[in-house]
Amino acid sequence: MIYNRNFALVLKCDPVYLQQTFKMMLLYFVLNRPLKSINHNKVSFVLYLIAKLCTISSISNPLFEAAFQICVYFVSSTEISPALTLRYCGIIYEFCCKNQLYCPEIIDSFTRLVKSQT
């Protein structure tokens, strides 16, 4: 329930303010940190919010493009757990569904996860 209420509050904010806030949050969480020391709960939540706000007309926006590329980078990395890989695959799926994008990294990651489980 808390996430739903907070998400409703986020949607009422000014879009320019939101973009600046998300950009600063991503920079704070990701910049100059080893992959294993990143707080993936916070990063994935911010990326998920960005994916939910992304529309077809805004995909050329540098913030949305950067968020998408961060997700792709995490998915293609072998340093994070299978659970985190699935989480980032879900966020990429959000981007792809809203913008009719194709991302082969999702297929590669699922294939790698299935092979590692058998």
N, C-alpha and C. Protein backbone atom coordinates (compact mmCIF):
# COMPACT_ATOMS: atom_id res chain seq x y z
N MET A 1 0.81 -1.20 0.00
CA MET A 1 0.00 0.00 0.00
C MET A 1 0.85 1.27 0.00
N ILE A 2 1.95 1.25 0.71
CA ILE A 2 2.78 2.44 0.79
C ILE A 2 3.29 2.81 -0.60
N TYR A 3 3.74 1.80 -1.37
CA TYR A 3 4.26 2.08 -2.70
C TYR A 3 3.18 2.67 -3.60
N ASN A 4 1.96 2.17 -3.50
CA ASN A 4 0.88 2.68 -4.34
C ASN A 4 0.58 4.14 -4.01
N ARG A 5 0.53 4.47 -2.73
CA ARG A 5 0.25 5.84 -2.34
C ARG A 5 1.40 6.76 -2.79
N ASN A 6 2.64 6.32 -2.57
CA ASN A 6 3.78 7.13 -2.99
C ASN A 6 3.82 7.29 -4.50
N PHE A 7 3.48 6.23 -5.21
CA PHE A 7 3.48 6.31 -6.67
C PHE A 7 2.43 7.30 -7.15
N ALA A 8 1.27 7.33 -6.50
CA ALA A 8 0.23 8.29 -6.85
C ALA A 8 0.71 9.72 -6.60
N LEU A 9 1.45 9.93 -5.52
CA LEU A 9 2.00 11.26 -5.25
C LEU A 9 3.04 11.64 -6.29
N VAL A 10 3.85 10.67 -6.72
CA VAL A 10 4.88 10.95 -7.72
C VAL A 10 4.24 11.38 -9.03
N LEU A 11 3.15 10.75 -9.42
CA LEU A 11 2.51 11.07 -10.69
C LEU A 11 1.93 12.47 -10.72
N LYS A 12 1.65 13.06 -9.56
CA LYS A 12 1.08 14.41 -9.51
C LYS A 12 2.15 15.50 -9.61
N CYS A 13 3.43 15.12 -9.53
CA CYS A 13 4.52 16.10 -9.55
C CYS A 13 4.77 16.63 -10.96
N ASP A 14 5.48 17.73 -11.00
CA ASP A 14 5.90 18.33 -12.26
C ASP A 14 6.88 17.40 -12.97
N PRO A 15 6.68 17.09 -14.26
CA PRO A 15 7.55 16.15 -14.97
C PRO A 15 9.02 16.57 -15.01
N VAL A 16 9.28 17.85 -15.16
CA VAL A 16 10.67 18.32 -15.20
C VAL A 16 11.33 18.10 -13.84
N TYR A 17 10.61 18.40 -12.79
CA TYR A 17 11.12 18.17 -11.44
C TYR A 17 11.39 16.68 -11.22
N LEU A 18 10.48 15.84 -11.67
CA LEU A 18 10.66 14.39 -11.53
C LEU A 18 11.91 13.92 -12.27
N GLN A 19 12.10 14.39 -13.48
CA GLN A 19 13.27 13.96 -14.24
C GLN A 19 14.56 14.35 -13.54
N GLN A 20 14.62 15.57 -13.03
CA GLN A 20 15.82 16.01 -12.32
C GLN A 20 16.04 15.19 -11.05
N THR A 21 14.97 14.92 -10.33
CA THR A 21 15.07 14.13 -9.10
C THR A 21 15.56 12.73 -9.40
N PHE A 22 14.96 12.08 -10.40
CA PHE A 22 15.37 10.72 -10.75
C PHE A 22 16.81 10.68 -11.24
N LYS A 23 17.20 11.70 -12.01
CA LYS A 23 18.58 11.74 -12.51
C LYS A 23 19.56 11.83 -11.34
N MET A 24 19.28 12.69 -10.39
CA MET A 24 20.17 12.83 -9.24
C MET A 24 20.19 11.55 -8.40
N MET A 25 19.04 10.90 -8.25
CA MET A 25 19.00 9.66 -7.47
C MET A 25 19.83 8.57 -8.15
N LEU A 26 19.68 8.44 -9.46
CA LEU A 26 20.46 7.43 -10.18
C LEU A 26 21.95 7.71 -10.08
N LEU A 27 22.33 8.96 -10.25
CA LEU A 27 23.74 9.30 -10.13
C LEU A 27 24.26 8.98 -8.74
N TYR A 28 23.49 9.28 -7.72
CA TYR A 28 23.91 9.02 -6.35
C TYR A 28 24.07 7.53 -6.09
N PHE A 29 23.11 6.73 -6.58
CA PHE A 29 23.14 5.30 -6.29
C PHE A 29 24.17 4.54 -7.10
N VAL A 30 24.46 4.98 -8.32
CA VAL A 30 25.24 4.16 -9.25
C VAL A 30 26.66 4.67 -9.46
N LEU A 31 26.89 5.94 -9.40
CA LEU A 31 28.15 6.53 -9.82
C LEU A 31 29.34 6.03 -8.99
N ASN A 32 30.35 5.56 -9.69
CA ASN A 32 31.63 5.15 -9.09
C ASN A 32 31.51 4.13 -7.97
N ARG A 33 30.62 3.19 -8.13
CA ARG A 33 30.48 2.14 -7.12
C ARG A 33 30.62 0.79 -7.80
N PRO A 34 31.27 -0.17 -7.13
CA PRO A 34 31.30 -1.52 -7.69
C PRO A 34 29.88 -2.08 -7.75
N LEU A 35 29.65 -2.96 -8.69
CA LEU A 35 28.30 -3.48 -8.93
C LEU A 35 27.71 -4.16 -7.69
N LYS A 36 28.55 -4.85 -6.93
CA LYS A 36 28.03 -5.58 -5.77
C LYS A 36 27.72 -4.66 -4.58
N SER A 37 28.28 -3.46 -4.57
CA SER A 37 28.04 -2.57 -3.43
C SER A 37 26.88 -1.60 -3.67
N ILE A 38 26.26 -1.67 -4.83
CA ILE A 38 25.12 -0.80 -5.13
C ILE A 38 23.90 -1.31 -4.38
N ASN A 39 23.11 -0.41 -3.82
CA ASN A 39 21.86 -0.80 -3.17
C ASN A 39 20.82 -1.03 -4.27
N HIS A 40 20.69 -2.28 -4.69
CA HIS A 40 19.83 -2.59 -5.83
C HIS A 40 18.35 -2.40 -5.52
N ASN A 41 17.96 -2.47 -4.26
CA ASN A 41 16.55 -2.21 -3.93
C ASN A 41 16.18 -0.78 -4.28
N LYS A 42 17.01 0.16 -3.90
CA LYS A 42 16.73 1.57 -4.19
C LYS A 42 16.85 1.87 -5.68
N VAL A 43 17.91 1.35 -6.30
CA VAL A 43 18.12 1.60 -7.73
C VAL A 43 16.98 1.03 -8.55
N SER A 44 16.59 -0.21 -8.25
CA SER A 44 15.54 -0.84 -9.06
C SER A 44 14.20 -0.13 -8.86
N PHE A 45 13.94 0.39 -7.66
CA PHE A 45 12.69 1.12 -7.44
C PHE A 45 12.66 2.41 -8.26
N VAL A 46 13.77 3.14 -8.28
CA VAL A 46 13.84 4.37 -9.07
C VAL A 46 13.71 4.04 -10.56
N LEU A 47 14.39 3.00 -11.01
CA LEU A 47 14.30 2.62 -12.42
C LEU A 47 12.89 2.17 -12.78
N TYR A 48 12.23 1.49 -11.85
CA TYR A 48 10.85 1.07 -12.10
C TYR A 48 9.92 2.29 -12.24
N LEU A 49 10.10 3.27 -11.37
CA LEU A 49 9.29 4.49 -11.48
C LEU A 49 9.54 5.21 -12.81
N ILE A 50 10.80 5.26 -13.22
CA ILE A 50 11.11 5.89 -14.50
C ILE A 50 10.45 5.12 -15.63
N ALA A 51 10.50 3.79 -15.57
CA ALA A 51 9.88 2.96 -16.62
C ALA A 51 8.37 3.19 -16.66
N LYS A 52 7.74 3.34 -15.49
CA LYS A 52 6.30 3.57 -15.46
C LYS A 52 5.93 4.93 -16.04
N LEU A 53 6.79 5.91 -15.89
CA LEU A 53 6.51 7.26 -16.40
C LEU A 53 6.88 7.42 -17.87
N CYS A 54 7.66 6.49 -18.39
CA CYS A 54 8.14 6.59 -19.77
C CYS A 54 7.00 6.31 -20.75
N THR A 55 6.92 7.13 -21.78
CA THR A 55 5.93 6.93 -22.84
C THR A 55 6.64 6.91 -24.18
N ILE A 56 5.92 6.59 -25.22
CA ILE A 56 6.52 6.53 -26.55
C ILE A 56 7.15 7.87 -26.94
N SER A 57 6.50 8.95 -26.61
CA SER A 57 7.03 10.26 -26.99
C SER A 57 8.25 10.67 -26.18
N SER A 58 8.47 10.05 -25.02
CA SER A 58 9.57 10.48 -24.16
C SER A 58 10.78 9.56 -24.20
N ILE A 59 10.75 8.50 -25.03
CA ILE A 59 11.87 7.56 -25.03
C ILE A 59 13.16 8.20 -25.52
N SER A 60 13.06 9.27 -26.31
CA SER A 60 14.28 9.95 -26.76
C SER A 60 14.87 10.83 -25.67
N ASN A 61 14.16 11.00 -24.58
CA ASN A 61 14.65 11.77 -23.45
C ASN A 61 15.90 11.07 -22.88
N PRO A 62 16.98 11.81 -22.63
CA PRO A 62 18.21 11.18 -22.13
C PRO A 62 18.03 10.43 -20.81
N LEU A 63 17.14 10.89 -19.94
CA LEU A 63 16.93 10.20 -18.67
C LEU A 63 16.36 8.80 -18.90
N PHE A 64 15.35 8.70 -19.76
CA PHE A 64 14.75 7.40 -20.02
C PHE A 64 15.73 6.48 -20.73
N GLU A 65 16.48 7.04 -21.66
CA GLU A 65 17.48 6.23 -22.37
C GLU A 65 18.55 5.73 -21.40
N ALA A 66 19.01 6.60 -20.50
CA ALA A 66 20.02 6.20 -19.52
C ALA A 66 19.48 5.13 -18.57
N ALA A 67 18.25 5.29 -18.12
CA ALA A 67 17.66 4.30 -17.22
C ALA A 67 17.54 2.95 -17.91
N PHE A 68 17.13 2.96 -19.16
CA PHE A 68 17.03 1.72 -19.93
C PHE A 68 18.40 1.06 -20.06
N GLN A 69 19.42 1.86 -20.37
CA GLN A 69 20.76 1.31 -20.55
C GLN A 69 21.34 0.78 -19.23
N ILE A 70 21.02 1.43 -18.12
CA ILE A 70 21.47 0.92 -16.81
C ILE A 70 20.86 -0.45 -16.55
N CYS A 71 19.58 -0.61 -16.85
CA CYS A 71 18.94 -1.91 -16.68
C CYS A 71 19.59 -2.97 -17.56
N VAL A 72 19.85 -2.62 -18.81
CA VAL A 72 20.49 -3.56 -19.73
C VAL A 72 21.88 -3.94 -19.23
N TYR A 73 22.61 -2.97 -18.70
CA TYR A 73 23.94 -3.25 -18.16
C TYR A 73 23.86 -4.23 -16.99
N PHE A 74 22.93 -4.00 -16.07
CA PHE A 74 22.78 -4.91 -14.93
C PHE A 74 22.38 -6.31 -15.38
N VAL A 75 21.48 -6.39 -16.35
CA VAL A 75 21.01 -7.70 -16.82
C VAL A 75 22.14 -8.47 -17.50
N SER A 76 22.98 -7.78 -18.25
CA SER A 76 24.04 -8.48 -18.96
C SER A 76 25.25 -8.78 -18.07
N SER A 77 25.26 -8.28 -16.85
CA SER A 77 26.35 -8.56 -15.92
C SER A 77 26.16 -9.93 -15.28
N THR A 78 27.27 -10.59 -15.03
CA THR A 78 27.21 -11.89 -14.34
C THR A 78 27.50 -11.74 -12.85
N GLU A 79 27.71 -10.53 -12.38
CA GLU A 79 28.07 -10.30 -10.98
C GLU A 79 26.88 -10.19 -10.04
N ILE A 80 25.68 -10.07 -10.57
CA ILE A 80 24.52 -9.94 -9.69
C ILE A 80 23.75 -11.25 -9.65
N SER A 81 22.94 -11.40 -8.64
CA SER A 81 22.21 -12.65 -8.41
C SER A 81 21.12 -12.87 -9.45
N PRO A 82 20.67 -14.13 -9.60
CA PRO A 82 19.57 -14.40 -10.53
C PRO A 82 18.29 -13.62 -10.18
N ALA A 83 18.03 -13.43 -8.90
CA ALA A 83 16.83 -12.69 -8.49
C ALA A 83 16.91 -11.23 -8.96
N LEU A 84 18.07 -10.61 -8.82
CA LEU A 84 18.23 -9.23 -9.30
C LEU A 84 18.16 -9.16 -10.82
N THR A 85 18.71 -10.17 -11.47
CA THR A 85 18.63 -10.20 -12.93
C THR A 85 17.18 -10.23 -13.38
N LEU A 86 16.36 -11.05 -12.72
CA LEU A 86 14.94 -11.11 -13.06
C LEU A 86 14.24 -9.79 -12.78
N ARG A 87 14.62 -9.14 -11.69
CA ARG A 87 14.02 -7.84 -11.36
C ARG A 87 14.30 -6.83 -12.47
N TYR A 88 15.55 -6.76 -12.90
CA TYR A 88 15.90 -5.80 -13.96
C TYR A 88 15.30 -6.21 -15.30
N CYS A 89 15.15 -7.50 -15.55
CA CYS A 89 14.46 -7.95 -16.77
C CYS A 89 13.01 -7.44 -16.77
N GLY A 90 12.37 -7.47 -15.61
CA GLY A 90 11.00 -6.96 -15.51
C GLY A 90 10.92 -5.48 -15.80
N ILE A 91 11.91 -4.73 -15.34
CA ILE A 91 11.92 -3.29 -15.60
C ILE A 91 12.15 -3.02 -17.09
N ILE A 92 13.06 -3.78 -17.70
CA ILE A 92 13.28 -3.65 -19.14
C ILE A 92 12.00 -3.99 -19.89
N TYR A 93 11.30 -5.00 -19.42
CA TYR A 93 10.04 -5.39 -20.05
C TYR A 93 9.04 -4.24 -20.01
N GLU A 94 9.00 -3.50 -18.89
CA GLU A 94 8.13 -2.32 -18.79
C GLU A 94 8.48 -1.30 -19.87
N PHE A 95 9.78 -1.01 -20.02
CA PHE A 95 10.21 -0.07 -21.05
C PHE A 95 9.82 -0.57 -22.44
N CYS A 96 10.08 -1.85 -22.70
CA CYS A 96 9.84 -2.41 -24.04
C CYS A 96 8.36 -2.43 -24.38
N CYS A 97 7.51 -2.79 -23.43
CA CYS A 97 6.07 -2.85 -23.70
C CYS A 97 5.50 -1.48 -24.03
N LYS A 98 5.92 -0.48 -23.30
CA LYS A 98 5.36 0.85 -23.51
C LYS A 98 5.86 1.51 -24.79
N ASN A 99 7.02 1.09 -25.25
CA ASN A 99 7.66 1.79 -26.36
C ASN A 99 7.91 0.92 -27.58
N GLN A 100 7.34 -0.25 -27.60
CA GLN A 100 7.51 -1.19 -28.71
C GLN A 100 8.98 -1.38 -29.06
N LEU A 101 9.79 -1.61 -28.03
CA LEU A 101 11.22 -1.85 -28.21
C LEU A 101 11.49 -3.35 -28.17
N TYR A 102 12.61 -3.75 -28.72
CA TYR A 102 13.05 -5.14 -28.65
C TYR A 102 14.40 -5.15 -27.95
N CYS A 103 14.56 -6.00 -26.97
CA CYS A 103 15.81 -6.04 -26.21
C CYS A 103 16.29 -7.49 -26.12
N PRO A 104 17.27 -7.88 -26.93
CA PRO A 104 17.75 -9.26 -26.90
C PRO A 104 18.43 -9.63 -25.59
N GLU A 105 18.86 -8.63 -24.80
CA GLU A 105 19.51 -8.94 -23.52
C GLU A 105 18.57 -9.69 -22.58
N ILE A 106 17.27 -9.41 -22.66
CA ILE A 106 16.32 -10.13 -21.80
C ILE A 106 16.33 -11.61 -22.15
N ILE A 107 16.29 -11.92 -23.43
CA ILE A 107 16.29 -13.32 -23.86
C ILE A 107 17.58 -14.00 -23.44
N ASP A 108 18.71 -13.33 -23.63
CA ASP A 108 20.00 -13.90 -23.23
C ASP A 108 20.06 -14.15 -21.73
N SER A 109 19.54 -13.22 -20.94
CA SER A 109 19.57 -13.37 -19.49
C SER A 109 18.69 -14.52 -19.03
N PHE A 110 17.49 -14.63 -19.60
CA PHE A 110 16.62 -15.75 -19.24
C PHE A 110 17.26 -17.07 -19.61
N THR A 111 17.90 -17.13 -20.77
CA THR A 111 18.58 -18.36 -21.20
C THR A 111 19.70 -18.71 -20.23
N ARG A 112 20.48 -17.70 -19.83
CA ARG A 112 21.57 -17.93 -18.88
C ARG A 112 21.03 -18.39 -17.52
N LEU A 113 19.92 -17.80 -17.07
CA LEU A 113 19.33 -18.19 -15.79
C LEU A 113 18.82 -19.62 -15.83
N VAL A 114 18.16 -20.00 -16.92
CA VAL A 114 17.63 -21.36 -17.03
C VAL A 114 18.77 -22.37 -17.06
N LYS A 115 19.83 -22.07 -17.79
CA LYS A 115 20.97 -22.98 -17.85
C LYS A 115 21.65 -23.11 -16.49
N SER A 116 21.70 -22.04 -15.73
CA SER A 116 22.35 -22.10 -14.41
C SER A 116 21.52 -22.87 -13.40
N GLN A 117 20.22 -22.96 -13.62
CA GLN A 117 19.35 -23.68 -12.68
C GLN A 117 19.26 -25.17 -12.97
N THR A 118 19.69 -25.59 -14.16
CA THR A 118 19.61 -27.02 -14.51
C THR A 118 20.94 -27.70 -14.37
